Amino acid sequence: MDTIIFQNFGAEILQRGEQYFIRYDAGEVVVQMKELPINESDVRRAQLSEKDAYEVILSAEQSNRAR
């Protein structure tokens, strides 16, 4: 079961068991919700400001591409 632990700056942070995910709209013209895993320090950072949330999303996207 997902628990939303933060919702602001155009992103949601979810906890699913022991894992954390950031969910955001990656679409340009139409809504395209994307969900990527993040670590606990990114959870805290994404809650600080819109800029920090955006940087966490960019970092998660890069990590996801590297896999």
N, C-alpha and C. Protein backbone atom coordinates (compact mmCIF):
# COMPACT_ATOMS: atom_id res chain seq x y z
N MET A 1 0.83 -1.18 0.00
CA MET A 1 0.00 0.00 0.00
C MET A 1 0.88 1.25 0.00
N ASP A 2 0.53 2.21 -0.83
CA ASP A 2 1.27 3.46 -0.92
C ASP A 2 0.79 4.44 0.13
N THR A 3 1.73 5.15 0.73
CA THR A 3 1.42 6.23 1.64
C THR A 3 2.04 7.49 1.07
N ILE A 4 1.22 8.51 0.82
CA ILE A 4 1.74 9.78 0.34
C ILE A 4 2.28 10.53 1.55
N ILE A 5 3.60 10.80 1.55
CA ILE A 5 4.19 11.47 2.70
C ILE A 5 4.48 12.95 2.42
N PHE A 6 4.36 13.34 1.14
CA PHE A 6 4.56 14.75 0.79
C PHE A 6 3.89 15.02 -0.54
N GLN A 7 3.30 16.20 -0.65
CA GLN A 7 2.61 16.56 -1.88
C GLN A 7 2.71 18.08 -2.04
N ASN A 8 3.64 18.52 -2.90
CA ASN A 8 3.83 19.94 -3.16
C ASN A 8 4.84 20.10 -4.27
N PHE A 9 5.00 21.30 -4.78
CA PHE A 9 5.98 21.62 -5.82
C PHE A 9 5.79 20.79 -7.08
N GLY A 10 4.57 20.34 -7.34
CA GLY A 10 4.30 19.55 -8.54
C GLY A 10 4.75 18.11 -8.44
N ALA A 11 5.02 17.63 -7.24
CA ALA A 11 5.48 16.26 -7.05
C ALA A 11 4.83 15.65 -5.81
N GLU A 12 4.76 14.34 -5.81
CA GLU A 12 4.32 13.58 -4.63
C GLU A 12 5.46 12.65 -4.25
N ILE A 13 5.66 12.46 -2.97
CA ILE A 13 6.61 11.47 -2.49
C ILE A 13 5.81 10.38 -1.81
N LEU A 14 6.04 9.16 -2.26
CA LEU A 14 5.30 8.00 -1.76
C LEU A 14 6.23 7.08 -0.99
N GLN A 15 5.68 6.42 0.00
CA GLN A 15 6.41 5.35 0.68
C GLN A 15 5.65 4.07 0.41
N ARG A 16 6.38 3.09 -0.07
CA ARG A 16 5.82 1.76 -0.37
C ARG A 16 6.73 0.77 0.35
N GLY A 17 6.26 0.32 1.50
CA GLY A 17 7.11 -0.54 2.32
C GLY A 17 8.29 0.27 2.83
N GLU A 18 9.49 -0.19 2.55
CA GLU A 18 10.70 0.51 2.97
C GLU A 18 11.27 1.41 1.88
N GLN A 19 10.61 1.45 0.72
CA GLN A 19 11.12 2.22 -0.42
C GLN A 19 10.35 3.53 -0.58
N TYR A 20 11.06 4.51 -1.17
CA TYR A 20 10.47 5.81 -1.45
C TYR A 20 10.46 6.06 -2.95
N PHE A 21 9.43 6.75 -3.43
CA PHE A 21 9.30 7.07 -4.84
C PHE A 21 8.84 8.51 -4.98
N ILE A 22 9.29 9.16 -6.05
CA ILE A 22 8.79 10.49 -6.38
C ILE A 22 7.93 10.35 -7.62
N ARG A 23 6.74 10.91 -7.58
CA ARG A 23 5.80 10.83 -8.70
C ARG A 23 5.55 12.27 -9.18
N TYR A 24 5.60 12.44 -10.50
CA TYR A 24 5.44 13.78 -11.07
C TYR A 24 4.90 13.67 -12.49
N ASP A 25 4.45 14.78 -13.02
CA ASP A 25 3.92 14.83 -14.39
C ASP A 25 5.08 15.11 -15.34
N ALA A 26 5.43 14.13 -16.15
CA ALA A 26 6.53 14.26 -17.10
C ALA A 26 6.04 14.64 -18.49
N GLY A 27 4.74 14.83 -18.64
CA GLY A 27 4.18 15.15 -19.95
C GLY A 27 4.32 16.62 -20.29
N GLU A 28 4.23 16.91 -21.56
CA GLU A 28 4.28 18.30 -22.00
C GLU A 28 2.89 18.79 -22.37
N VAL A 29 2.24 18.10 -23.29
CA VAL A 29 0.91 18.51 -23.74
C VAL A 29 -0.17 17.77 -22.95
N VAL A 30 0.04 16.50 -22.71
CA VAL A 30 -0.90 15.69 -21.94
C VAL A 30 -0.22 15.20 -20.67
N VAL A 31 -1.03 14.89 -19.69
CA VAL A 31 -0.50 14.40 -18.42
C VAL A 31 0.14 13.03 -18.63
N GLN A 32 1.36 12.88 -18.17
CA GLN A 32 2.07 11.61 -18.22
C GLN A 32 2.77 11.43 -16.87
N MET A 33 2.08 10.78 -15.95
CA MET A 33 2.63 10.60 -14.61
C MET A 33 3.78 9.59 -14.65
N LYS A 34 4.85 9.95 -13.98
CA LYS A 34 6.04 9.10 -13.92
C LYS A 34 6.41 8.92 -12.45
N GLU A 35 6.90 7.75 -12.12
CA GLU A 35 7.27 7.42 -10.75
C GLU A 35 8.66 6.80 -10.75
N LEU A 36 9.55 7.36 -9.93
CA LEU A 36 10.93 6.87 -9.87
C LEU A 36 11.35 6.65 -8.42
N PRO A 37 12.20 5.65 -8.17
CA PRO A 37 12.68 5.43 -6.80
C PRO A 37 13.67 6.52 -6.39
N ILE A 38 13.62 6.89 -5.12
CA ILE A 38 14.58 7.84 -4.55
C ILE A 38 15.00 7.33 -3.17
N ASN A 39 16.08 7.89 -2.66
CA ASN A 39 16.54 7.45 -1.33
C ASN A 39 16.02 8.41 -0.25
N GLU A 40 16.28 8.07 0.98
CA GLU A 40 15.74 8.82 2.11
C GLU A 40 16.26 10.26 2.16
N SER A 41 17.52 10.48 1.79
CA SER A 41 18.03 11.85 1.81
C SER A 41 17.37 12.70 0.72
N ASP A 42 17.05 12.08 -0.43
CA ASP A 42 16.32 12.79 -1.48
C ASP A 42 14.89 13.13 -1.03
N VAL A 43 14.30 12.29 -0.22
CA VAL A 43 12.96 12.57 0.31
C VAL A 43 13.00 13.88 1.09
N ARG A 44 13.97 14.02 1.97
CA ARG A 44 14.08 15.24 2.78
C ARG A 44 14.40 16.45 1.91
N ARG A 45 15.29 16.26 0.94
CA ARG A 45 15.70 17.39 0.09
C ARG A 45 14.54 17.88 -0.78
N ALA A 46 13.76 16.97 -1.34
CA ALA A 46 12.67 17.36 -2.24
C ALA A 46 11.60 18.19 -1.53
N GLN A 47 11.55 18.11 -0.22
CA GLN A 47 10.56 18.85 0.54
C GLN A 47 10.98 20.27 0.86
N LEU A 48 12.22 20.63 0.54
CA LEU A 48 12.75 21.94 0.91
C LEU A 48 12.24 23.08 0.03
N SER A 49 12.24 22.87 -1.28
CA SER A 49 11.82 23.93 -2.20
C SER A 49 11.48 23.33 -3.56
N GLU A 50 10.87 24.15 -4.40
CA GLU A 50 10.55 23.70 -5.75
C GLU A 50 11.83 23.35 -6.53
N LYS A 51 12.88 24.16 -6.35
CA LYS A 51 14.16 23.91 -7.03
C LYS A 51 14.76 22.58 -6.58
N ASP A 52 14.74 22.33 -5.28
CA ASP A 52 15.29 21.07 -4.76
C ASP A 52 14.48 19.88 -5.27
N ALA A 53 13.16 20.00 -5.31
CA ALA A 53 12.32 18.91 -5.82
C ALA A 53 12.66 18.63 -7.28
N TYR A 54 12.83 19.69 -8.07
CA TYR A 54 13.19 19.53 -9.48
C TYR A 54 14.54 18.85 -9.64
N GLU A 55 15.51 19.23 -8.82
CA GLU A 55 16.84 18.61 -8.88
C GLU A 55 16.80 17.14 -8.48
N VAL A 56 15.95 16.79 -7.52
CA VAL A 56 15.79 15.38 -7.13
C VAL A 56 15.19 14.60 -8.30
N ILE A 57 14.21 15.18 -8.98
CA ILE A 57 13.61 14.52 -10.14
C ILE A 57 14.65 14.30 -11.22
N LEU A 58 15.45 15.33 -11.54
CA LEU A 58 16.49 15.19 -12.56
C LEU A 58 17.49 14.10 -12.19
N SER A 59 17.90 14.07 -10.93
CA SER A 59 18.84 13.06 -10.47
C SER A 59 18.23 11.65 -10.56
N ALA A 60 16.97 11.52 -10.18
CA ALA A 60 16.30 10.21 -10.27
C ALA A 60 16.16 9.75 -11.71
N GLU A 61 15.89 10.70 -12.62
CA GLU A 61 15.80 10.35 -14.04
C GLU A 61 17.14 9.85 -14.56
N GLN A 62 18.22 10.53 -14.17
CA GLN A 62 19.56 10.11 -14.61
C GLN A 62 19.90 8.72 -14.07
N SER A 63 19.59 8.50 -12.80
CA SER A 63 19.86 7.19 -12.20
C SER A 63 19.05 6.10 -12.88
N ASN A 64 17.82 6.40 -13.25
CA ASN A 64 16.95 5.44 -13.90
C ASN A 64 17.48 5.10 -15.30
N ARG A 65 18.02 6.07 -16.02
CA ARG A 65 18.57 5.82 -17.36
C ARG A 65 19.83 4.97 -17.30
N ALA A 66 20.59 5.12 -16.21
CA ALA A 66 21.85 4.37 -16.07
C ALA A 66 21.63 2.89 -15.81
N ARG A 67 20.43 2.53 -15.39
CA ARG A 67 20.15 1.11 -15.06
C ARG A 67 19.97 0.27 -16.27
